[in-house]
Amino acid sequence: MIFLAFLLIAAMLATLFILIKGLVNMAQTTSQDLENTGDGPSPRALKSQKLMQQRILLQAVAIAIIAIILMMMSAKG
């Protein structure tokens, strides 16, 4: 159970780290990134999408760990 608690904390901290990286990336967006006269999305937009996908994955991992902890706790009692 302690191992799962440490995994949960690690997943939550990783989620927070990726969230902050995404916010910093968004804050550094320039008007040139927004106008984007080239084909397809700008490199900054691609990075933003990748960070969002990583954040969602880490949130899913954290929720799965919480579900496992709750199932283990309900099985004990």
Protein backbone atom coordinates (compact mmCIF):
# COMPACT_ATOMS: atom_id res chain seq x y z
CA MET A 1 0.00 0.00 0.00
CA ILE A 2 2.88 2.37 0.78
CA PHE A 3 4.36 1.64 -2.64
CA LEU A 4 1.09 2.70 -4.31
CA ALA A 5 1.03 5.88 -2.23
CA PHE A 6 4.52 6.75 -3.46
CA LEU A 7 3.48 5.98 -7.04
CA LEU A 8 0.44 8.21 -6.64
CA ILE A 9 2.54 11.09 -5.32
CA ALA A 10 5.02 10.63 -8.18
CA ALA A 11 2.21 10.64 -10.77
CA MET A 12 0.67 13.76 -9.22
CA LEU A 13 4.00 15.59 -9.15
CA ALA A 14 4.72 14.59 -12.74
CA THR A 15 1.28 15.89 -13.75
CA LEU A 16 1.97 19.18 -11.99
CA PHE A 17 5.37 19.48 -13.68
CA ILE A 18 3.88 18.92 -17.15
CA LEU A 19 1.06 21.37 -16.37
CA ILE A 20 3.57 24.06 -15.43
CA LYS A 21 5.63 23.34 -18.57
CA GLY A 22 2.46 23.74 -20.63
CA LEU A 23 1.59 27.04 -18.97
CA VAL A 24 5.10 28.36 -19.58
CA ASN A 25 4.90 27.24 -23.20
CA MET A 26 1.55 29.01 -23.58
CA ALA A 27 2.90 32.19 -21.95
CA GLN A 28 5.78 32.26 -24.43
CA THR A 29 3.45 32.18 -27.45
CA THR A 30 4.11 35.11 -29.78
CA SER A 31 1.80 36.79 -32.25
CA GLN A 32 3.83 35.17 -35.01
CA ASP A 33 2.93 31.75 -33.56
CA LEU A 34 -0.73 32.70 -33.57
CA GLU A 35 -0.75 34.05 -37.12
CA ASN A 36 1.23 31.11 -38.53
CA THR A 37 1.37 31.78 -42.26
CA GLY A 38 2.94 28.39 -43.04
CA ASP A 39 1.32 25.03 -43.66
CA GLY A 40 0.02 23.22 -40.61
CA PRO A 41 0.36 24.11 -36.95
CA SER A 42 3.34 26.02 -35.58
CA PRO A 43 6.09 24.19 -33.66
CA ARG A 44 4.87 25.82 -30.44
CA ALA A 45 1.33 24.57 -31.07
CA LEU A 46 2.66 21.06 -31.66
CA LYS A 47 4.64 21.24 -28.41
CA SER A 48 1.54 22.46 -26.59
CA GLN A 49 -0.50 19.54 -27.92
CA LYS A 50 2.19 17.06 -26.89
CA LEU A 51 2.34 18.50 -23.38
CA MET A 52 -1.46 18.33 -23.10
CA GLN A 53 -1.44 14.67 -24.17
CA GLN A 54 1.26 13.87 -21.60
CA ARG A 55 -0.72 15.65 -18.89
CA ILE A 56 -3.88 13.71 -19.69
CA LEU A 57 -1.96 10.42 -19.67
CA LEU A 58 -0.41 11.19 -16.28
CA GLN A 59 -3.81 12.18 -14.89
CA ALA A 60 -5.21 8.83 -16.07
CA VAL A 61 -2.35 7.01 -14.36
CA ALA A 62 -3.00 8.89 -11.11
CA ILE A 63 -6.73 8.09 -11.27
CA ALA A 64 -5.97 4.42 -11.94
CA ILE A 65 -3.68 4.30 -8.91
CA ILE A 66 -6.40 5.91 -6.78
CA ALA A 67 -8.88 3.29 -8.02
CA ILE A 68 -6.48 0.47 -7.13
CA ILE A 69 -5.91 1.92 -3.65
CA LEU A 70 -9.66 2.22 -3.08
CA MET A 71 -10.28 -1.36 -4.25
CA MET A 72 -7.56 -2.63 -1.94
CA MET A 73 -8.98 -0.68 0.99
CA SER A 74 -12.52 -1.93 0.38
CA ALA A 75 -11.31 -5.54 0.11
CA LYS A 76 -9.65 -5.28 3.52
CA GLY A 77 -12.70 -3.97 5.34
